[in-house]
Amino acid sequence: MKTVSERCHVYASDNITADINELAAPYGSSVYLLMDAGSEKYCKSVLGKINGLAEDHILTVGDGDDNKNPQTACQIWEFLSSHGATRKSLLINLGGGMICDLGGFCASTFKRGIDFINIPTTVLAQVDASLGGKTGMNLGSLKNEVGVFSMAKAVLLNGEFLKTLDKDNLLSGFAEMIKHALIHNASALEELLAFDFNKPDYNQLSQLISESVKIKEFFVEADPTEKGIRKALNFGHTYGHAYETFALRHGKPVLHGFAVAWGMIKELQLSAELSTLESAAAQRIAARILELYGNPTATDADKSELQELMTHDKKNDGKGINFTLIPTVGEVEIDHVVKF
């Protein structure tokens, strides 16, 4: 294993089977595996045989963010309890952001906390959901309304999983990588915006992911529980979560990264209007994002509903809606309160 992020316990793994067996060895036969149906179909074979993992210690749940809910959480807790898990057990989460978020939350709260390892299988999970200590679940249509901060014992990145993804799921995770460049690494932005999704270079993508992880590590190390500068990572997410919740509410769910991409377009506009970002730069970047991700599912006619949804954002303090803005590419301005 090669260390990518020491603070977030992220490792690049060229031999995923050997590395997970090394990490799981101290737990003996008290090892459990959580995945969704898609991961079972496309990714479990890449994982290989895990020593000490019994067949009845494997739980598969439904695909999709609509399964990141209290009902599925209870299913996971009951599974662990009924199959003999103890405070010295290990839960391996194999899947995308939903599995890493929910599995991490369930592990962190079962018997007041057991160890867990994330094996993210999507770009989105590799650069965002699997690392940094945020876990959680949705409550109704509200995104990540319940959760805790809890670091994974390890996060293993392996490029083979990325080859199982379609273009939309590659793009979904890539939105977080664009965000990282916008808030902390202006020099990386042009390479990201020029990446060819019609003929993806997976070696290049893995390298870009590693660089993106280091940006997240910077903010997590500076502010583990999001009291200050880590709020920079929320760029695009205030509007983005509203777009995502709007889509769920209207029965037309969208991938998280698409919602974040649309949120970045809105928040680039706000950065030009309310901070010092040059309008020409905001328009150029927004145009490329729009080219990659298409038009939002919510339109100007839905403006009031989006604003109402943003009032539920956890960053708000009751005085207005809290945004992270960009005064210039590579820099951030946190806690910018806006009253619409």
C-alpha atoms as a PDB file:
ATOM      1  CA  MET A   1       0.000   0.000   0.000  1.00  0.00           C
ATOM      2  CA  LYS A   2       1.161   3.517  -0.787  1.00  0.00           C
ATOM      3  CA  THR A   3       0.055   6.314   1.516  1.00  0.00           C
ATOM      4  CA  VAL A   4      -1.994   8.984  -0.251  1.00  0.00           C
ATOM      5  CA  SER A   5      -3.298  10.798   2.837  1.00  0.00           C
ATOM      6  CA  GLU A   6      -1.886  10.058   6.278  1.00  0.00           C
ATOM      7  CA  ARG A   7      -4.466  12.165   8.132  1.00  0.00           C
ATOM      8  CA  CYS A   8      -7.424  10.494   6.389  1.00  0.00           C
ATOM      9  CA  HIS A   9      -5.813   6.999   6.371  1.00  0.00           C
ATOM     10  CA  VAL A  10      -6.038   6.760   2.568  1.00  0.00           C
ATOM     11  CA  TYR A  11      -3.878   4.265   0.701  1.00  0.00           C
ATOM     12  CA  ALA A  12      -3.415   3.457  -2.983  1.00  0.00           C
ATOM     13  CA  SER A  13      -3.652  -0.314  -3.352  1.00  0.00           C
ATOM     14  CA  ASP A  14      -2.197  -2.224  -6.296  1.00  0.00           C
ATOM     15  CA  ASN A  15      -3.189  -5.545  -4.710  1.00  0.00           C
ATOM     16  CA  ILE A  16      -6.556  -4.992  -3.071  1.00  0.00           C
ATOM     17  CA  THR A  17      -6.973  -8.605  -1.932  1.00  0.00           C
ATOM     18  CA  ALA A  18      -3.611  -8.790  -0.164  1.00  0.00           C
ATOM     19  CA  ASP A  19      -4.014  -5.370   1.423  1.00  0.00           C
ATOM     20  CA  ILE A  20      -7.511  -5.937   2.794  1.00  0.00           C
ATOM     21  CA  ASN A  21      -6.428  -9.296   4.198  1.00  0.00           C
ATOM     22  CA  GLU A  22      -3.510  -7.632   5.953  1.00  0.00           C
ATOM     23  CA  LEU A  23      -5.802  -5.000   7.472  1.00  0.00           C
ATOM     24  CA  ALA A  24      -8.511  -7.504   8.444  1.00  0.00           C
ATOM     25  CA  ALA A  25      -6.172 -10.076   9.997  1.00  0.00           C
ATOM     26  CA  PRO A  26      -6.282  -8.670  13.584  1.00  0.00           C
ATOM     27  CA  TYR A  27     -10.083  -9.131  13.671  1.00  0.00           C
ATOM     28  CA  GLY A  28      -9.978 -12.898  13.064  1.00  0.00           C
ATOM     29  CA  SER A  29     -13.405 -14.216  12.057  1.00  0.00           C
ATOM     30  CA  SER A  30     -15.265 -11.117  13.301  1.00  0.00           C
ATOM     31  CA  VAL A  31     -15.179  -9.439   9.892  1.00  0.00           C
ATOM     32  CA  TYR A  32     -18.328  -8.217   8.110  1.00  0.00           C
ATOM     33  CA  LEU A  33     -18.872  -6.931   4.572  1.00  0.00           C
ATOM     34  CA  LEU A  34     -21.492  -4.391   3.497  1.00  0.00           C
ATOM     35  CA  MET A  35     -22.197  -3.603  -0.155  1.00  0.00           C
ATOM     36  CA  ASP A  36     -25.026  -2.634  -2.463  1.00  0.00           C
ATOM     37  CA  ALA A  37     -26.381  -4.694  -5.336  1.00  0.00           C
ATOM     38  CA  GLY A  38     -24.260  -2.904  -7.924  1.00  0.00           C
ATOM     39  CA  SER A  39     -21.060  -3.467  -5.972  1.00  0.00           C
ATOM     40  CA  GLU A  40     -21.928  -7.123  -5.522  1.00  0.00           C
ATOM     41  CA  LYS A  41     -22.409  -7.501  -9.274  1.00  0.00           C
ATOM     42  CA  TYR A  42     -19.451  -5.496 -10.559  1.00  0.00           C
ATOM     43  CA  CYS A  43     -16.901  -5.087  -7.763  1.00  0.00           C
ATOM     44  CA  LYS A  44     -16.955  -8.022  -5.344  1.00  0.00           C
ATOM     45  CA  SER A  45     -14.894 -10.168  -7.725  1.00  0.00           C
ATOM     46  CA  VAL A  46     -12.194  -7.470  -7.834  1.00  0.00           C
ATOM     47  CA  LEU A  47     -12.020  -7.599  -4.044  1.00  0.00           C
ATOM     48  CA  GLY A  48     -11.166 -11.297  -4.039  1.00  0.00           C
ATOM     49  CA  LYS A  49     -11.329 -13.684  -1.075  1.00  0.00           C
ATOM     50  CA  ILE A  50     -11.133 -12.130   2.394  1.00  0.00           C
ATOM     51  CA  ASN A  51      -9.728 -14.442   5.017  1.00  0.00           C
ATOM     52  CA  GLY A  52     -12.010 -14.806   8.026  1.00  0.00           C
ATOM     53  CA  LEU A  53     -15.087 -13.483   6.226  1.00  0.00           C
ATOM     54  CA  ALA A  54     -17.909 -16.006   6.476  1.00  0.00           C
ATOM     55  CA  GLU A  55     -20.629 -16.038   3.813  1.00  0.00           C
ATOM     56  CA  ASP A  56     -23.287 -15.231   6.401  1.00  0.00           C
ATOM     57  CA  HIS A  57     -21.302 -12.113   7.411  1.00  0.00           C
ATOM     58  CA  ILE A  58     -22.044 -10.442   4.055  1.00  0.00           C
ATOM     59  CA  LEU A  59     -24.977  -8.045   3.696  1.00  0.00           C
ATOM     60  CA  THR A  60     -26.178  -6.612   0.383  1.00  0.00           C
ATOM     61  CA  VAL A  61     -28.591  -3.675   0.404  1.00  0.00           C
ATOM     62  CA  GLY A  62     -30.374  -1.836  -2.387  1.00  0.00           C
ATOM     63  CA  ASP A  63     -28.694   0.552  -4.801  1.00  0.00           C
ATOM     64  CA  GLY A  64     -29.173   4.291  -4.822  1.00  0.00           C
ATOM     65  CA  ASP A  65     -29.181   7.237  -2.454  1.00  0.00           C
ATOM     66  CA  ASP A  66     -32.824   6.633  -1.559  1.00  0.00           C
ATOM     67  CA  ASN A  67     -31.568   3.627   0.434  1.00  0.00           C
ATOM     68  CA  LYS A  68     -29.412   5.867   2.651  1.00  0.00           C
ATOM     69  CA  ASN A  69     -32.201   6.045   5.197  1.00  0.00           C
ATOM     70  CA  PRO A  70     -33.084   4.982   8.773  1.00  0.00           C
ATOM     71  CA  GLN A  71     -34.764   1.803   7.548  1.00  0.00           C
ATOM     72  CA  THR A  72     -31.583   0.548   5.871  1.00  0.00           C
ATOM     73  CA  ALA A  73     -29.524   1.655   8.873  1.00  0.00           C
ATOM     74  CA  CYS A  74     -31.729  -0.465  11.135  1.00  0.00           C
ATOM     75  CA  GLN A  75     -31.305  -3.376   8.730  1.00  0.00           C
ATOM     76  CA  ILE A  76     -27.512  -3.069   9.024  1.00  0.00           C
ATOM     77  CA  TRP A  77     -27.546  -2.765  12.823  1.00  0.00           C
ATOM     78  CA  GLU A  78     -29.870  -5.762  13.141  1.00  0.00           C
ATOM     79  CA  PHE A  79     -27.689  -7.771  10.767  1.00  0.00           C
ATOM     80  CA  LEU A  80     -24.562  -7.051  12.806  1.00  0.00           C
ATOM     81  CA  SER A  81     -26.331  -7.811  16.069  1.00  0.00           C
ATOM     82  CA  SER A  82     -27.933 -11.055  14.915  1.00  0.00           C
ATOM     83  CA  HIS A  83     -24.668 -12.325  13.426  1.00  0.00           C
ATOM     84  CA  GLY A  84     -22.582 -11.885  16.536  1.00  0.00           C
ATOM     85  CA  ALA A  85     -20.723  -8.637  15.910  1.00  0.00           C
ATOM     86  CA  THR A  86     -18.959  -7.198  18.965  1.00  0.00           C
ATOM     87  CA  ARG A  87     -17.122  -3.983  19.783  1.00  0.00           C
ATOM     88  CA  LYS A  88     -13.985  -5.681  18.424  1.00  0.00           C
ATOM     89  CA  SER A  89     -15.497  -6.414  14.999  1.00  0.00           C
ATOM     90  CA  LEU A  90     -14.624  -4.868  11.646  1.00  0.00           C
ATOM     91  CA  LEU A  91     -17.091  -3.680   8.992  1.00  0.00           C
ATOM     92  CA  ILE A  92     -15.804  -3.399   5.420  1.00  0.00           C
ATOM     93  CA  ASN A  93     -17.827  -1.016   3.256  1.00  0.00           C
ATOM     94  CA  LEU A  94     -17.535  -1.857  -0.453  1.00  0.00           C
ATOM     95  CA  GLY A  95     -19.298   0.582  -2.734  1.00  0.00           C
ATOM     96  CA  GLY A  96     -19.922   4.174  -3.632  1.00  0.00           C
ATOM     97  CA  GLY A  97     -20.740   7.189  -1.501  1.00  0.00           C
ATOM     98  CA  MET A  98     -24.011   5.812  -0.193  1.00  0.00           C
ATOM     99  CA  ILE A  99     -22.373   2.670   1.209  1.00  0.00           C
ATOM    100  CA  CYS A 100     -19.390   4.546   2.652  1.00  0.00           C
ATOM    101  CA  ASP A 101     -21.630   7.156   4.304  1.00  0.00           C
ATOM    102  CA  LEU A 102     -24.198   4.747   5.680  1.00  0.00           C
ATOM    103  CA  GLY A 103     -21.807   1.911   6.517  1.00  0.00           C
ATOM    104  CA  GLY A 104     -19.515   4.315   8.326  1.00  0.00           C
ATOM    105  CA  PHE A 105     -22.447   5.746  10.278  1.00  0.00           C
ATOM    106  CA  CYS A 106     -23.752   2.317  11.278  1.00  0.00           C
ATOM    107  CA  ALA A 107     -20.294   1.112  12.315  1.00  0.00           C
ATOM    108  CA  SER A 108     -19.683   4.289  14.316  1.00  0.00           C
ATOM    109  CA  THR A 109     -22.907   3.905  16.285  1.00  0.00           C
ATOM    110  CA  PHE A 110     -23.186   0.113  16.655  1.00  0.00           C
ATOM    111  CA  LYS A 111     -22.207  -0.771  20.237  1.00  0.00           C
ATOM    112  CA  ARG A 112     -20.960   2.849  20.467  1.00  0.00           C
ATOM    113  CA  GLY A 113     -18.522   2.251  17.648  1.00  0.00           C
ATOM    114  CA  ILE A 114     -16.683  -0.509  15.823  1.00  0.00           C
ATOM    115  CA  ASP A 115     -13.845  -0.204  13.319  1.00  0.00           C
ATOM    116  CA  PHE A 116     -14.624   0.130   9.638  1.00  0.00           C
ATOM    117  CA  ILE A 117     -12.690   0.169   6.380  1.00  0.00           C
ATOM    118  CA  ASN A 118     -13.947   1.883   3.245  1.00  0.00           C
ATOM    119  CA  ILE A 119     -13.225   0.445  -0.191  1.00  0.00           C
ATOM    120  CA  PRO A 120     -14.718   3.112  -2.478  1.00  0.00           C
ATOM    121  CA  THR A 121     -15.658   1.867  -5.929  1.00  0.00           C
ATOM    122  CA  THR A 122     -16.636   5.158  -7.602  1.00  0.00           C
ATOM    123  CA  VAL A 123     -14.759   8.363  -8.351  1.00  0.00           C
ATOM    124  CA  LEU A 124     -17.140  10.243  -6.053  1.00  0.00           C
ATOM    125  CA  ALA A 125     -16.469   7.930  -3.138  1.00  0.00           C
ATOM    126  CA  GLN A 126     -12.705   7.871  -3.740  1.00  0.00           C
ATOM    127  CA  VAL A 127     -12.319  11.657  -3.620  1.00  0.00           C
ATOM    128  CA  ASP A 128     -15.077  12.552  -1.171  1.00  0.00           C
ATOM    129  CA  ALA A 129     -17.518  10.277   0.636  1.00  0.00           C
ATOM    130  CA  SER A 130     -15.096   7.602   1.816  1.00  0.00           C
ATOM    131  CA  LEU A 131     -12.649   9.944   3.540  1.00  0.00           C
ATOM    132  CA  GLY A 132     -12.583  12.801   5.971  1.00  0.00           C
ATOM    133  CA  GLY A 133     -14.705  11.298   8.725  1.00  0.00           C
ATOM    134  CA  LYS A 134     -18.168  12.407   7.674  1.00  0.00           C
ATOM    135  CA  THR A 135     -20.795   9.665   7.926  1.00  0.00           C
ATOM    136  CA  GLY A 136     -24.547   9.855   7.795  1.00  0.00           C
ATOM    137  CA  MET A 137     -27.942   9.141   6.332  1.00  0.00           C
ATOM    138  CA  ASN A 138     -30.828  11.044   4.825  1.00  0.00           C
ATOM    139  CA  LEU A 139     -34.009  11.831   6.706  1.00  0.00           C
ATOM    140  CA  GLY A 140     -36.932  11.837   4.312  1.00  0.00           C
ATOM    141  CA  SER A 141     -35.887  14.044   1.416  1.00  0.00           C
ATOM    142  CA  LEU A 142     -33.301  15.943   3.484  1.00  0.00           C
ATOM    143  CA  LYS A 143     -29.707  15.057   2.628  1.00  0.00           C
ATOM    144  CA  ASN A 144     -27.347  13.835   5.371  1.00  0.00           C
ATOM    145  CA  GLU A 145     -29.625  15.138   8.124  1.00  0.00           C
ATOM    146  CA  VAL A 146     -28.321  12.572  10.654  1.00  0.00           C
ATOM    147  CA  GLY A 147     -24.673  11.593  11.075  1.00  0.00           C
ATOM    148  CA  VAL A 148     -21.446  11.652  13.078  1.00  0.00           C
ATOM    149  CA  PHE A 149     -17.780  12.421  12.473  1.00  0.00           C
ATOM    150  CA  SER A 150     -15.830   9.168  12.564  1.00  0.00           C
ATOM    151  CA  MET A 151     -12.640   8.268  10.700  1.00  0.00           C
ATOM    152  CA  ALA A 152     -12.329   4.988   8.826  1.00  0.00           C
ATOM    153  CA  LYS A 153      -9.536   2.705   9.982  1.00  0.00           C
ATOM    154  CA  ALA A 154      -8.364   2.776   6.364  1.00  0.00           C
ATOM    155  CA  VAL A 155      -9.556   3.794   2.907  1.00  0.00           C
ATOM    156  CA  LEU A 156      -8.215   1.708   0.029  1.00  0.00           C
ATOM    157  CA  LEU A 157      -8.153   3.193  -3.479  1.00  0.00           C
ATOM    158  CA  ASN A 158      -7.876   0.863  -6.451  1.00  0.00           C
ATOM    159  CA  GLY A 159      -8.159   1.962 -10.077  1.00  0.00           C
ATOM    160  CA  GLU A 160      -9.719  -1.299 -11.303  1.00  0.00           C
ATOM    161  CA  PHE A 161     -13.042  -0.344  -9.750  1.00  0.00           C
ATOM    162  CA  LEU A 162     -13.226   2.810 -11.901  1.00  0.00           C
ATOM    163  CA  LYS A 163     -13.345   0.731 -15.076  1.00  0.00           C
ATOM    164  CA  THR A 164     -16.749  -0.602 -13.990  1.00  0.00           C
ATOM    165  CA  LEU A 165     -18.296   2.884 -14.125  1.00  0.00           C
ATOM    166  CA  ASP A 166     -20.324   4.438 -16.923  1.00  0.00           C
ATOM    167  CA  LYS A 167     -19.706   7.985 -18.111  1.00  0.00           C
ATOM    168  CA  ASP A 168     -22.330   9.580 -15.852  1.00  0.00           C
ATOM    169  CA  ASN A 169     -20.848   8.015 -12.734  1.00  0.00           C
ATOM    170  CA  LEU A 170     -17.348   9.075 -13.758  1.00  0.00           C
ATOM    171  CA  LEU A 171     -18.670  12.606 -14.193  1.00  0.00           C
ATOM    172  CA  SER A 172     -20.472  12.518 -10.868  1.00  0.00           C
ATOM    173  CA  GLY A 173     -17.270  12.036  -8.899  1.00  0.00           C
ATOM    174  CA  PHE A 174     -15.336  14.343 -11.160  1.00  0.00           C
ATOM    175  CA  ALA A 175     -17.480  17.274  -9.992  1.00  0.00           C
ATOM    176  CA  GLU A 176     -15.889  17.014  -6.541  1.00  0.00           C
ATOM    177  CA  MET A 177     -12.453  17.055  -8.148  1.00  0.00           C
ATOM    178  CA  ILE A 178     -13.319  20.247 -10.031  1.00  0.00           C
ATOM    179  CA  LYS A 179     -14.496  21.706  -6.729  1.00  0.00           C
ATOM    180  CA  HIS A 180     -11.204  20.831  -5.037  1.00  0.00           C
ATOM    181  CA  ALA A 181      -9.259  22.609  -7.775  1.00  0.00           C
ATOM    182  CA  LEU A 182     -11.510  25.659  -7.571  1.00  0.00           C
ATOM    183  CA  ILE A 183     -11.005  26.068  -3.833  1.00  0.00           C
ATOM    184  CA  HIS A 184      -7.325  25.169  -3.486  1.00  0.00           C
ATOM    185  CA  ASN A 185      -5.383  24.364  -6.664  1.00  0.00           C
ATOM    186  CA  ALA A 186      -5.902  26.721  -9.582  1.00  0.00           C
ATOM    187  CA  SER A 187      -3.092  25.098 -11.577  1.00  0.00           C
ATOM    188  CA  ALA A 188      -4.958  21.760 -11.655  1.00  0.00           C
ATOM    189  CA  LEU A 189      -8.216  23.220 -12.932  1.00  0.00           C
ATOM    190  CA  GLU A 190      -7.361  23.385 -16.633  1.00  0.00           C
ATOM    191  CA  GLU A 191      -6.204  19.742 -16.777  1.00  0.00           C
ATOM    192  CA  LEU A 192      -9.436  18.673 -15.088  1.00  0.00           C
ATOM    193  CA  LEU A 193     -11.662  20.715 -17.374  1.00  0.00           C
ATOM    194  CA  ALA A 194      -9.856  19.264 -20.431  1.00  0.00           C
ATOM    195  CA  PHE A 195     -10.169  15.597 -19.343  1.00  0.00           C
ATOM    196  CA  ASP A 196     -11.635  13.453 -22.141  1.00  0.00           C
ATOM    197  CA  PHE A 197     -14.576  11.429 -20.847  1.00  0.00           C
ATOM    198  CA  ASN A 198     -15.182   9.829 -24.223  1.00  0.00           C
ATOM    199  CA  LYS A 199     -11.745   8.161 -24.073  1.00  0.00           C
ATOM    200  CA  PRO A 200     -10.833   8.205 -20.384  1.00  0.00           C
ATOM    201  CA  ASP A 201      -7.213   7.619 -19.437  1.00  0.00           C
ATOM    202  CA  TYR A 202      -7.600   5.651 -16.184  1.00  0.00           C
ATOM    203  CA  ASN A 203      -3.954   6.068 -15.195  1.00  0.00           C
ATOM    204  CA  GLN A 204      -4.302   9.828 -15.528  1.00  0.00           C
ATOM    205  CA  LEU A 205      -7.602   9.680 -13.641  1.00  0.00           C
ATOM    206  CA  SER A 206      -6.038   7.759 -10.746  1.00  0.00           C
ATOM    207  CA  GLN A 207      -3.279  10.345 -10.504  1.00  0.00           C
ATOM    208  CA  LEU A 208      -5.785  13.189 -10.546  1.00  0.00           C
ATOM    209  CA  ILE A 209      -7.759  11.423  -7.814  1.00  0.00           C
ATOM    210  CA  SER A 210      -4.660  11.137  -5.625  1.00  0.00           C
ATOM    211  CA  GLU A 211      -3.992  14.872  -6.008  1.00  0.00           C
ATOM    212  CA  SER A 212      -7.631  15.612  -5.221  1.00  0.00           C
ATOM    213  CA  VAL A 213      -7.504  13.487  -2.069  1.00  0.00           C
ATOM    214  CA  LYS A 214      -4.534  15.540  -0.850  1.00  0.00           C
ATOM    215  CA  ILE A 215      -6.591  18.710  -1.155  1.00  0.00           C
ATOM    216  CA  LYS A 216      -9.329  17.225   0.986  1.00  0.00           C
ATOM    217  CA  GLU A 217      -6.687  16.050   3.473  1.00  0.00           C
ATOM    218  CA  PHE A 218      -5.437  19.649   3.766  1.00  0.00           C
ATOM    219  CA  PHE A 219      -8.841  20.914   4.868  1.00  0.00           C
ATOM    220  CA  VAL A 220      -9.664  17.913   7.082  1.00  0.00           C
ATOM    221  CA  GLU A 221      -6.338  18.169   8.912  1.00  0.00           C
ATOM    222  CA  ALA A 222      -6.812  21.901   9.456  1.00  0.00           C
ATOM    223  CA  ASP A 223     -10.378  21.531  10.725  1.00  0.00           C
ATOM    224  CA  PRO A 224     -11.491  17.920  11.480  1.00  0.00           C
ATOM    225  CA  THR A 225     -15.019  18.762  12.690  1.00  0.00           C
ATOM    226  CA  GLU A 226     -15.872  21.575  10.263  1.00  0.00           C
ATOM    227  CA  LYS A 227     -15.834  24.527  12.644  1.00  0.00           C
ATOM    228  CA  GLY A 228     -13.941  26.773  10.253  1.00  0.00           C
ATOM    229  CA  ILE A 229     -11.904  26.407   7.060  1.00  0.00           C
ATOM    230  CA  ARG A 230     -13.172  22.896   6.250  1.00  0.00           C
ATOM    231  CA  LYS A 231     -16.395  24.647   5.237  1.00  0.00           C
ATOM    232  CA  ALA A 232     -14.489  25.445   2.035  1.00  0.00           C
ATOM    233  CA  LEU A 233     -15.321  21.899   0.934  1.00  0.00           C
ATOM    234  CA  ASN A 234     -18.982  22.906   0.863  1.00  0.00           C
ATOM    235  CA  PHE A 235     -18.497  25.039  -2.240  1.00  0.00           C
ATOM    236  CA  GLY A 236     -21.258  24.102  -4.678  1.00  0.00           C
ATOM    237  CA  HIS A 237     -23.061  22.043  -2.048  1.00  0.00           C
ATOM    238  CA  THR A 238     -25.495  24.581  -0.631  1.00  0.00           C
ATOM    239  CA  TYR A 239     -27.275  24.897  -3.962  1.00  0.00           C
ATOM    240  CA  GLY A 240     -26.179  21.353  -4.864  1.00  0.00           C
ATOM    241  CA  HIS A 241     -27.964  19.678  -1.956  1.00  0.00           C
ATOM    242  CA  ALA A 242     -31.049  21.738  -2.762  1.00  0.00           C
ATOM    243  CA  TYR A 243     -30.975  20.509  -6.370  1.00  0.00           C
ATOM    244  CA  GLU A 244     -30.509  16.955  -5.141  1.00  0.00           C
ATOM    245  CA  THR A 245     -33.337  17.141  -2.608  1.00  0.00           C
ATOM    246  CA  PHE A 246     -35.595  18.833  -5.163  1.00  0.00           C
ATOM    247  CA  ALA A 247     -34.993  15.940  -7.561  1.00  0.00           C
ATOM    248  CA  LEU A 248     -35.774  13.338  -4.871  1.00  0.00           C
ATOM    249  CA  ARG A 249     -38.885  15.217  -3.809  1.00  0.00           C
ATOM    250  CA  HIS A 250     -40.187  15.234  -7.379  1.00  0.00           C
ATOM    251  CA  GLY A 251     -39.392  11.591  -8.051  1.00  0.00           C
ATOM    252  CA  LYS A 252     -36.564  12.261 -10.484  1.00  0.00           C
ATOM    253  CA  PRO A 253     -33.355  11.567  -8.522  1.00  0.00           C
ATOM    254  CA  VAL A 254     -30.052  12.788  -9.924  1.00  0.00           C
ATOM    255  CA  LEU A 255     -26.496  11.711  -9.234  1.00  0.00           C
ATOM    256  CA  HIS A 256     -24.888  13.689  -6.414  1.00  0.00           C
ATOM    257  CA  GLY A 257     -22.078  15.045  -8.558  1.00  0.00           C
ATOM    258  CA  PHE A 258     -24.470  16.429 -11.161  1.00  0.00           C
ATOM    259  CA  ALA A 259     -26.316  18.338  -8.423  1.00  0.00           C
ATOM    260  CA  VAL A 260     -22.996  19.646  -7.070  1.00  0.00           C
ATOM    261  CA  ALA A 261     -21.923  20.695 -10.567  1.00  0.00           C
ATOM    262  CA  TRP A 262     -25.130  22.694 -10.983  1.00  0.00           C
ATOM    263  CA  GLY A 263     -24.582  24.098  -7.494  1.00  0.00           C
ATOM    264  CA  MET A 264     -21.082  25.217  -8.475  1.00  0.00           C
ATOM    265  CA  ILE A 265     -22.497  27.104 -11.450  1.00  0.00           C
ATOM    266  CA  LYS A 266     -24.846  29.001  -9.129  1.00  0.00           C
ATOM    267  CA  GLU A 267     -22.163  29.634  -6.544  1.00  0.00           C
ATOM    268  CA  LEU A 268     -19.665  30.781  -9.161  1.00  0.00           C
ATOM    269  CA  GLN A 269     -22.288  33.355 -10.150  1.00  0.00           C
ATOM    270  CA  LEU A 270     -22.702  34.374  -6.502  1.00  0.00           C
ATOM    271  CA  SER A 271     -18.903  34.636  -6.177  1.00  0.00           C
ATOM    272  CA  ALA A 272     -18.845  37.080  -9.076  1.00  0.00           C
ATOM    273  CA  GLU A 273     -21.792  39.070  -7.707  1.00  0.00           C
ATOM    274  CA  LEU A 274     -20.939  39.114  -3.993  1.00  0.00           C
ATOM    275  CA  SER A 275     -17.177  38.519  -3.862  1.00  0.00           C
ATOM    276  CA  THR A 276     -14.274  39.435  -6.150  1.00  0.00           C
ATOM    277  CA  LEU A 277     -14.253  36.576  -8.675  1.00  0.00           C
ATOM    278  CA  GLU A 278     -13.921  38.000 -12.176  1.00  0.00           C
ATOM    279  CA  SER A 279     -17.164  37.596 -14.110  1.00  0.00           C
ATOM    280  CA  ALA A 280     -15.332  36.395 -17.212  1.00  0.00           C
ATOM    281  CA  ALA A 281     -13.637  33.601 -15.232  1.00  0.00           C
ATOM    282  CA  ALA A 282     -16.894  32.598 -13.575  1.00  0.00           C
ATOM    283  CA  GLN A 283     -18.698  32.480 -16.923  1.00  0.00           C
ATOM    284  CA  ARG A 284     -15.931  30.477 -18.659  1.00  0.00           C
ATOM    285  CA  ILE A 285     -15.757  27.831 -15.925  1.00  0.00           C
ATOM    286  CA  ALA A 286     -19.539  27.660 -15.588  1.00  0.00           C
ATOM    287  CA  ALA A 287     -19.895  27.181 -19.349  1.00  0.00           C
ATOM    288  CA  ARG A 288     -17.526  24.191 -19.311  1.00  0.00           C
ATOM    289  CA  ILE A 289     -19.336  22.660 -16.322  1.00  0.00           C
ATOM    290  CA  LEU A 290     -22.643  23.115 -18.109  1.00  0.00           C
ATOM    291  CA  GLU A 291     -21.159  21.464 -21.192  1.00  0.00           C
ATOM    292  CA  LEU A 292     -20.135  18.434 -19.124  1.00  0.00           C
ATOM    293  CA  TYR A 293     -23.230  18.102 -16.927  1.00  0.00           C
ATOM    294  CA  GLY A 294     -26.113  19.538 -18.925  1.00  0.00           C
ATOM    295  CA  ASN A 295     -28.939  21.701 -17.641  1.00  0.00           C
ATOM    296  CA  PRO A 296     -30.269  21.430 -14.063  1.00  0.00           C
ATOM    297  CA  THR A 297     -33.538  19.611 -13.559  1.00  0.00           C
ATOM    298  CA  ALA A 298     -34.818  22.574 -11.523  1.00  0.00           C
ATOM    299  CA  THR A 299     -35.441  25.790 -13.444  1.00  0.00           C
ATOM    300  CA  ASP A 300     -35.888  29.458 -12.562  1.00  0.00           C
ATOM    301  CA  ALA A 301     -39.548  28.684 -11.951  1.00  0.00           C
ATOM    302  CA  ASP A 302     -38.451  26.512  -9.011  1.00  0.00           C
ATOM    303  CA  LYS A 303     -36.354  29.251  -7.408  1.00  0.00           C
ATOM    304  CA  SER A 304     -38.496  29.653  -4.292  1.00  0.00           C
ATOM    305  CA  GLU A 305     -38.550  25.915  -3.603  1.00  0.00           C
ATOM    306  CA  LEU A 306     -34.761  25.692  -3.937  1.00  0.00           C
ATOM    307  CA  GLN A 307     -34.343  28.603  -1.535  1.00  0.00           C
ATOM    308  CA  GLU A 308     -36.686  26.939   0.968  1.00  0.00           C
ATOM    309  CA  LEU A 309     -34.653  23.740   0.765  1.00  0.00           C
ATOM    310  CA  MET A 310     -31.435  25.659   1.368  1.00  0.00           C
ATOM    311  CA  THR A 311     -32.793  26.913   4.705  1.00  0.00           C
ATOM    312  CA  HIS A 312     -32.344  23.336   6.020  1.00  0.00           C
ATOM    313  CA  ASP A 313     -28.599  23.382   5.322  1.00  0.00           C
ATOM    314  CA  LYS A 314     -26.590  22.429   8.433  1.00  0.00           C
ATOM    315  CA  LYS A 315     -24.203  25.388   7.924  1.00  0.00           C
ATOM    316  CA  ASN A 316     -26.923  27.960   8.534  1.00  0.00           C
ATOM    317  CA  ASP A 317     -27.086  29.822  11.850  1.00  0.00           C
ATOM    318  CA  GLY A 318     -30.565  31.288  11.541  1.00  0.00           C
ATOM    319  CA  LYS A 319     -29.428  34.588  10.049  1.00  0.00           C
ATOM    320  CA  GLY A 320     -29.581  33.525   6.421  1.00  0.00           C
ATOM    321  CA  ILE A 321     -28.179  30.931   4.042  1.00  0.00           C
ATOM    322  CA  ASN A 322     -24.473  30.225   4.523  1.00  0.00           C
ATOM    323  CA  PHE A 323     -22.305  29.920   1.410  1.00  0.00           C
ATOM    324  CA  THR A 324     -18.680  29.284   0.599  1.00  0.00           C
ATOM    325  CA  LEU A 325     -17.627  31.642  -2.186  1.00  0.00           C
ATOM    326  CA  ILE A 326     -14.501  31.977  -4.343  1.00  0.00           C
ATOM    327  CA  PRO A 327     -12.863  35.433  -4.483  1.00  0.00           C
ATOM    328  CA  THR A 328     -10.410  34.018  -7.040  1.00  0.00           C
ATOM    329  CA  VAL A 329      -9.765  30.511  -8.329  1.00  0.00           C
ATOM    330  CA  GLY A 330      -7.760  28.616  -5.721  1.00  0.00           C
ATOM    331  CA  GLU A 331      -8.972  30.665  -2.754  1.00  0.00           C
ATOM    332  CA  VAL A 332     -12.122  30.599  -0.629  1.00  0.00           C
ATOM    333  CA  GLU A 333     -14.281  32.838   1.490  1.00  0.00           C
ATOM    334  CA  ILE A 334     -16.300  30.877   4.074  1.00  0.00           C
ATOM    335  CA  ASP A 335     -19.385  31.880   6.055  1.00  0.00           C
ATOM    336  CA  HIS A 336     -20.799  34.276   3.498  1.00  0.00           C
ATOM    337  CA  VAL A 337     -24.398  34.679   4.663  1.00  0.00           C
ATOM    338  CA  VAL A 338     -26.954  35.513   1.997  1.00  0.00           C
ATOM    339  CA  LYS A 339     -30.552  36.607   2.518  1.00  0.00           C
ATOM    340  CA  PHE A 340     -32.655  36.052  -0.601  1.00  0.00           C
END
